[in-house]
Amino acid sequence: MDSQWELSHSGVFVKDFFKTLEYYQSLGIAVEPFGLSRKTGVSPAEMTQVITIFGKERPPPDPSATRYLELLYIGDFELEVLQAPAEPPKGDALAYGEGINHVTFNVPDIDGETAKLVNKGLPIIFDLTRDGIRFEDYLDTREFGNIILSLRPAESIDAKARKANLGIVNWRFLGHGVTVADLDKTVEYYQSLGIATIQPEAMFDSGSMTNLESYGRTPDSSIKARTRAAQVGPTLYEFIQPLEGESIYKESLEKRGEGIIDMTFSVDDLDKEAAQLVEKGVSIVLGGTPQSDRAFAYFDTREDGGDIMIKLIQAG
């Protein structure tokens, strides 16, 4: 894993674009977006760019079309919100159902990093060049975990400065929870790519937790899941394989298949943040305190937030 990778953003496709933007603002965790989606026309750079999807070059954007893309800042995290097509073409990664489907990293050498991964057998789904310079790649890492890896060149100091302090809540982004059917194969896959540092396995066991509640009540039976974190750049993927009991992990895996289920943040006062979200009408679907770890809570923002939950963890 290259420690010089930096997180750019995660991209979420949503069923109701403007409703999702308004929803995150209504929770008091994101400011009004910059208005990219309401801006018609495209810049000269976009008109001269070359887009290749699954090896086929696509025409430049329609200058009369409204772009359905906005950037939301939740704490120190950049969330790219995109409209999901009503009927996504089969296999087209850019026409995806609801949910976060790609995580984008800024890397010092996009050509070199892309070449290394292509040599490991990863196909390029999407390639964007501007004036002959590679601007972004989507690499197909969906085989285990159903996450697309996106690479962009390193950000300039000015770009970093523009993004700094745009969040209005003191939340620190940690990473994403990812439900998987086979934890061992997923970990082996990410190790083979050479982009992740794998942490020791841990067991999610409701029997070893205090104050555990699932959908507002004590679970009727124990909940168990195997978990293992993989650090990709500064971002943690917590891979979760459900084992026993009815849980949000089992529910997500059965309903959506493998994939990202949450945006995880560390907060200074979990009780305070939870109370504010609950007051806004957001329910806690799973929460508790492990014996040897920090208290956590998952908030059900799936319906209007792009089929993604928010997970908050008490800072240590």
Protein backbone atom coordinates (compact mmCIF):
# COMPACT_ATOMS: atom_id res chain seq x y z
CA MET A 1 0.00 0.00 0.00
CA ASP A 2 1.32 3.41 -1.00
CA SER A 3 1.11 5.87 1.89
CA GLN A 4 1.16 8.75 -0.59
CA TRP A 5 -2.40 8.02 -1.70
CA GLU A 6 -4.88 10.63 -0.46
CA LEU A 7 -8.65 10.34 -0.36
CA SER A 8 -10.42 12.53 -2.90
CA HIS A 9 -14.07 11.51 -2.52
CA SER A 10 -16.60 8.70 -2.62
CA GLY A 11 -19.32 8.71 -5.28
CA VAL A 12 -22.94 7.86 -4.53
CA PHE A 13 -25.66 7.32 -7.12
CA VAL A 14 -29.15 8.27 -5.91
CA LYS A 15 -32.71 7.74 -7.13
CA ASP A 16 -33.90 11.30 -6.40
CA PHE A 17 -31.04 13.71 -6.94
CA PHE A 18 -32.44 16.97 -5.55
CA LYS A 19 -34.25 15.26 -2.69
CA THR A 20 -30.97 13.71 -1.55
CA LEU A 21 -29.18 17.05 -1.62
CA GLU A 22 -31.95 18.66 0.42
CA TYR A 23 -32.01 15.71 2.81
CA TYR A 24 -28.40 16.01 3.92
CA GLN A 25 -28.82 19.75 4.34
CA SER A 26 -31.99 19.22 6.41
CA LEU A 27 -30.02 17.05 8.84
CA GLY A 28 -27.69 19.96 9.52
CA ILE A 29 -24.58 18.07 8.45
CA ALA A 30 -23.92 19.56 4.99
CA VAL A 31 -24.05 23.05 3.54
CA GLU A 32 -25.91 24.01 0.39
CA PRO A 33 -24.00 22.59 -2.58
CA PHE A 34 -22.20 24.70 -5.14
CA GLY A 35 -24.86 24.54 -7.83
CA LEU A 36 -23.01 22.38 -10.34
CA SER A 37 -26.17 20.48 -11.24
CA ARG A 38 -28.05 23.64 -12.10
CA LYS A 39 -25.35 24.90 -14.41
CA THR A 40 -26.05 24.29 -18.08
CA GLY A 41 -23.30 24.02 -20.60
CA VAL A 42 -19.82 22.63 -20.11
CA SER A 43 -16.38 24.18 -19.91
CA PRO A 44 -13.97 24.26 -22.86
CA ALA A 45 -11.80 21.68 -21.07
CA GLU A 46 -14.75 19.29 -20.84
CA MET A 47 -15.58 19.72 -24.51
CA THR A 48 -12.05 18.72 -25.52
CA GLN A 49 -11.70 15.83 -23.08
CA VAL A 50 -11.71 12.21 -24.22
CA ILE A 51 -13.89 9.72 -22.34
CA THR A 52 -13.46 5.98 -22.81
CA ILE A 53 -15.88 3.53 -21.17
CA PHE A 54 -15.19 -0.18 -21.39
CA GLY A 55 -12.68 0.54 -24.15
CA LYS A 56 -15.10 2.53 -26.32
CA GLU A 57 -14.65 6.24 -26.84
CA ARG A 58 -17.74 8.30 -26.01
CA PRO A 59 -18.75 11.65 -27.53
CA PRO A 60 -18.14 14.84 -25.52
CA PRO A 61 -20.89 16.06 -23.15
CA ASP A 62 -23.99 17.72 -24.56
CA PRO A 63 -23.40 21.44 -23.89
CA SER A 64 -27.15 22.03 -23.44
CA ALA A 65 -27.61 19.32 -20.82
CA THR A 66 -27.93 19.92 -17.09
CA ARG A 67 -25.28 18.06 -15.15
CA TYR A 68 -26.59 15.96 -12.29
CA LEU A 69 -23.50 16.03 -10.11
CA GLU A 70 -22.96 17.84 -6.83
CA LEU A 71 -20.32 17.80 -4.11
CA LEU A 72 -21.42 17.65 -0.50
CA TYR A 73 -19.02 18.13 2.41
CA ILE A 74 -19.86 16.17 5.55
CA GLY A 75 -17.23 16.93 8.15
CA ASP A 76 -13.91 16.51 6.34
CA PHE A 77 -15.42 14.10 3.80
CA GLU A 78 -16.30 14.91 0.18
CA LEU A 79 -19.34 13.05 -1.15
CA GLU A 80 -19.98 13.18 -4.89
CA VAL A 81 -23.72 12.85 -5.53
CA LEU A 82 -24.89 11.65 -8.96
CA GLN A 83 -28.29 10.81 -10.42
CA ALA A 84 -28.84 7.08 -10.95
CA PRO A 85 -30.54 6.29 -14.29
CA ALA A 86 -34.00 4.78 -14.05
CA GLU A 87 -32.87 1.76 -16.06
CA PRO A 88 -29.10 1.32 -15.82
CA PRO A 89 -27.60 -0.58 -18.77
CA LYS A 90 -26.24 -3.95 -17.72
CA GLY A 91 -22.54 -3.83 -16.94
CA ASP A 92 -22.17 -0.06 -17.34
CA ALA A 93 -20.41 1.08 -14.16
CA LEU A 94 -21.33 4.70 -14.80
CA ALA A 95 -25.04 3.88 -14.82
CA TYR A 96 -25.33 2.30 -11.42
CA GLY A 97 -28.17 1.71 -8.99
CA GLU A 98 -28.37 3.53 -5.66
CA GLY A 99 -25.40 3.48 -3.34
CA ILE A 100 -21.73 4.36 -3.11
CA ASN A 101 -20.04 2.49 -5.92
CA HIS A 102 -16.60 4.08 -6.20
CA VAL A 103 -13.94 5.55 -3.94
CA THR A 104 -11.47 7.99 -5.50
CA PHE A 105 -7.88 8.56 -4.44
CA ASN A 106 -5.40 11.23 -5.49
CA VAL A 107 -2.09 9.58 -6.33
CA PRO A 108 1.34 11.06 -7.17
CA ASP A 109 1.68 9.12 -10.45
CA ILE A 110 -1.66 8.16 -11.98
CA ASP A 111 -0.09 6.61 -15.07
CA GLY A 112 2.29 4.48 -13.01
CA GLU A 113 -0.32 3.40 -10.45
CA THR A 114 -2.81 2.53 -13.18
CA ALA A 115 -0.20 0.53 -15.10
CA LYS A 116 0.71 -1.50 -11.99
CA LEU A 117 -2.90 -2.46 -11.40
CA VAL A 118 -3.59 -3.22 -15.06
CA ASN A 119 -0.56 -5.54 -14.95
CA LYS A 120 -2.27 -7.34 -12.07
CA GLY A 121 -5.24 -8.03 -14.33
CA LEU A 122 -7.57 -5.15 -13.49
CA PRO A 123 -9.49 -3.76 -16.47
CA ILE A 124 -9.99 -0.02 -16.89
CA ILE A 125 -13.74 0.67 -16.85
CA PHE A 126 -13.52 4.40 -17.43
CA ASP A 127 -10.67 6.59 -18.61
CA LEU A 128 -10.77 10.37 -18.83
CA THR A 129 -8.05 12.46 -20.43
CA ARG A 130 -7.87 16.23 -20.85
CA ASP A 131 -5.43 17.66 -23.37
CA GLY A 132 -3.84 14.24 -23.59
CA ILE A 133 -3.21 14.01 -19.84
CA ARG A 134 -4.94 11.31 -17.81
CA PHE A 135 -7.34 12.94 -15.36
CA GLU A 136 -9.19 9.93 -13.89
CA ASP A 137 -9.40 6.16 -14.15
CA TYR A 138 -11.99 3.74 -12.83
CA LEU A 139 -10.42 0.31 -12.25
CA ASP A 140 -12.66 -2.71 -11.88
CA THR A 141 -12.13 -3.98 -8.34
CA ARG A 142 -15.74 -5.15 -7.98
CA GLU A 143 -14.98 -8.89 -7.85
CA PHE A 144 -14.90 -8.96 -4.03
CA GLY A 145 -16.68 -6.19 -2.15
CA ASN A 146 -18.25 -4.60 -5.23
CA ILE A 147 -16.24 -1.36 -4.97
CA ILE A 148 -14.74 0.46 -7.94
CA LEU A 149 -11.31 1.98 -7.38
CA SER A 150 -10.89 5.42 -8.92
CA LEU A 151 -7.57 7.22 -9.31
CA ARG A 152 -6.88 10.89 -9.98
CA PRO A 153 -3.65 12.92 -10.06
CA ALA A 154 -2.44 14.57 -6.86
CA GLU A 155 -4.37 17.68 -5.89
CA SER A 156 -2.73 21.07 -6.00
CA ILE A 157 -2.18 23.07 -2.83
CA ASP A 158 -4.79 25.57 -4.03
CA ALA A 159 -7.37 22.81 -4.57
CA LYS A 160 -6.78 21.45 -1.08
CA ALA A 161 -7.11 24.92 0.38
CA ARG A 162 -10.46 25.46 -1.39
CA LYS A 163 -11.84 22.25 0.11
CA ALA A 164 -10.53 22.82 3.62
CA ASN A 165 -13.07 23.83 6.26
CA LEU A 166 -16.10 23.39 3.98
CA GLY A 167 -17.71 20.97 6.43
CA ILE A 168 -20.02 22.37 9.11
CA VAL A 169 -19.88 19.48 11.58
CA ASN A 170 -16.82 18.32 13.50
CA TRP A 171 -16.91 14.80 12.09
CA ARG A 172 -13.71 13.03 11.01
CA PHE A 173 -14.12 10.55 8.20
CA LEU A 174 -12.66 7.10 8.84
CA GLY A 175 -13.89 4.97 5.95
CA HIS A 176 -16.64 2.62 4.82
CA GLY A 177 -18.23 -0.58 6.09
CA VAL A 178 -18.47 -3.18 3.33
CA THR A 179 -20.58 -6.34 3.56
CA VAL A 180 -19.06 -9.37 1.86
CA ALA A 181 -20.05 -12.99 1.36
CA ASP A 182 -16.56 -14.41 1.87
CA LEU A 183 -14.18 -12.46 4.12
CA ASP A 184 -11.16 -14.65 3.41
CA LYS A 185 -11.43 -14.34 -0.38
CA THR A 186 -11.99 -10.59 -0.11
CA VAL A 187 -8.91 -10.08 2.05
CA GLU A 188 -6.83 -12.32 -0.20
CA TYR A 189 -7.98 -10.30 -3.22
CA TYR A 190 -7.00 -6.93 -1.73
CA GLN A 191 -3.67 -8.33 -0.59
CA SER A 192 -3.00 -9.52 -4.14
CA LEU A 193 -3.58 -6.00 -5.49
CA GLY A 194 -0.96 -4.55 -3.18
CA ILE A 195 -3.03 -1.46 -2.37
CA ALA A 196 -4.13 -2.29 1.20
CA THR A 197 -2.67 -2.92 4.63
CA ILE A 198 -4.78 -5.63 6.27
CA GLN A 199 -5.47 -5.54 9.99
CA PRO A 200 -6.11 -8.59 12.21
CA GLU A 201 -9.55 -10.16 12.18
CA ALA A 202 -12.09 -9.09 14.81
CA MET A 203 -15.44 -10.58 15.75
CA PHE A 204 -18.62 -8.55 16.02
CA ASP A 205 -20.37 -10.36 18.88
CA SER A 206 -23.48 -8.88 20.45
CA GLY A 207 -22.93 -11.05 23.52
CA SER A 208 -19.79 -9.09 24.41
CA MET A 209 -21.42 -5.66 24.10
CA THR A 210 -23.35 -3.44 26.46
CA ASN A 211 -26.39 -1.33 25.59
CA LEU A 212 -26.76 -3.10 22.26
CA GLU A 213 -29.93 -2.27 20.37
CA SER A 214 -31.05 -3.26 16.90
CA TYR A 215 -33.94 -1.24 15.45
CA GLY A 216 -34.69 0.19 18.88
CA ARG A 217 -34.79 -3.01 20.92
CA THR A 218 -32.56 -5.70 22.33
CA PRO A 219 -32.04 -8.38 19.68
CA ASP A 220 -33.95 -11.65 20.20
CA SER A 221 -30.85 -13.66 19.37
CA SER A 222 -27.12 -13.06 19.23
CA ILE A 223 -25.57 -11.21 16.29
CA LYS A 224 -22.19 -12.33 15.08
CA ALA A 225 -20.07 -11.26 12.14
CA ARG A 226 -16.48 -11.65 11.09
CA THR A 227 -14.76 -8.34 10.37
CA ARG A 228 -11.41 -7.28 9.04
CA ALA A 229 -10.22 -3.80 8.20
CA ALA A 230 -8.13 -2.95 5.16
CA GLN A 231 -6.42 0.42 4.97
CA VAL A 232 -6.28 1.87 1.46
CA GLY A 233 -4.35 5.11 1.64
CA PRO A 234 -5.85 6.97 4.62
CA THR A 235 -9.21 5.19 4.28
CA LEU A 236 -10.41 2.07 6.08
CA TYR A 237 -12.61 -0.51 4.42
CA GLU A 238 -14.19 -2.58 7.19
CA PHE A 239 -15.11 -5.85 5.49
CA ILE A 240 -17.98 -7.57 7.30
CA GLN A 241 -19.20 -11.13 6.78
CA PRO A 242 -22.42 -11.80 8.74
CA LEU A 243 -22.55 -15.15 10.54
CA GLU A 244 -25.46 -15.33 12.97
CA GLY A 245 -28.64 -13.46 13.81
CA GLU A 246 -30.73 -10.82 12.10
CA SER A 247 -28.64 -7.71 11.55
CA ILE A 248 -28.16 -4.78 9.21
CA TYR A 249 -25.19 -6.69 7.79
CA LYS A 250 -27.26 -9.72 6.83
CA GLU A 251 -30.09 -7.48 5.65
CA SER A 252 -27.78 -5.46 3.40
CA LEU A 253 -26.05 -8.51 1.96
CA GLU A 254 -29.35 -10.22 1.12
CA LYS A 255 -31.01 -7.11 -0.26
CA ARG A 256 -28.16 -5.37 -2.09
CA GLY A 257 -25.44 -7.96 -2.39
CA GLU A 258 -21.86 -7.08 -1.53
CA GLY A 259 -20.92 -3.44 -1.23
CA ILE A 260 -20.47 -0.31 0.84
CA ILE A 261 -23.17 0.13 3.47
CA ASP A 262 -22.07 3.21 5.40
CA MET A 263 -20.01 6.35 5.79
CA THR A 264 -18.09 6.04 9.07
CA PHE A 265 -17.07 9.06 11.13
CA SER A 266 -15.39 9.62 14.48
CA VAL A 267 -17.12 12.20 16.71
CA ASP A 268 -16.20 13.86 20.00
CA ASP A 269 -19.61 13.35 21.64
CA LEU A 270 -21.61 10.43 20.25
CA ASP A 271 -24.58 10.97 22.58
CA LYS A 272 -24.92 14.60 21.52
CA GLU A 273 -24.62 13.85 17.81
CA ALA A 274 -27.07 10.95 18.11
CA ALA A 275 -29.63 13.11 19.90
CA GLN A 276 -29.45 15.76 17.19
CA LEU A 277 -29.94 13.25 14.38
CA VAL A 278 -32.79 11.48 16.17
CA GLU A 279 -34.45 14.87 16.70
CA LYS A 280 -34.28 15.31 12.92
CA GLY A 281 -36.18 12.04 12.48
CA VAL A 282 -33.25 9.70 11.81
CA SER A 283 -33.54 6.35 13.59
CA ILE A 284 -30.68 4.31 15.05
CA VAL A 285 -30.71 0.85 13.47
CA LEU A 286 -27.79 -0.62 15.43
CA GLY A 287 -25.74 0.67 18.32
CA GLY A 288 -23.84 -0.37 21.40
CA THR A 289 -20.52 -0.45 23.23
CA PRO A 290 -18.02 -3.29 22.70
CA GLN A 291 -16.08 -4.38 25.79
CA SER A 292 -12.72 -3.35 24.38
CA ASP A 293 -13.70 -0.66 21.89
CA ARG A 294 -15.61 2.58 21.53
CA ALA A 295 -19.37 3.08 21.41
CA PHE A 296 -20.93 3.26 17.95
CA ALA A 297 -24.28 3.86 16.27
CA TYR A 298 -25.62 3.32 12.74
CA PHE A 299 -28.19 5.87 11.55
CA ASP A 300 -30.76 4.96 8.93
CA THR A 301 -30.23 7.51 6.18
CA ARG A 302 -30.86 4.95 3.44
CA GLU A 303 -34.24 6.04 2.09
CA ASP A 304 -33.35 9.61 1.11
CA GLY A 305 -29.56 9.52 1.44
CA GLY A 306 -28.70 7.16 -1.41
CA ASP A 307 -29.16 3.75 0.26
CA ILE A 308 -26.26 4.49 2.61
CA MET A 309 -26.17 4.62 6.41
CA ILE A 310 -24.13 6.94 8.60
CA LYS A 311 -22.04 5.28 11.28
CA LEU A 312 -20.69 7.40 14.13
CA ILE A 313 -18.00 6.18 16.55
CA GLN A 314 -17.10 7.82 19.83
CA ALA A 315 -13.60 9.31 19.56
CA GLY A 316 -11.01 7.75 21.82
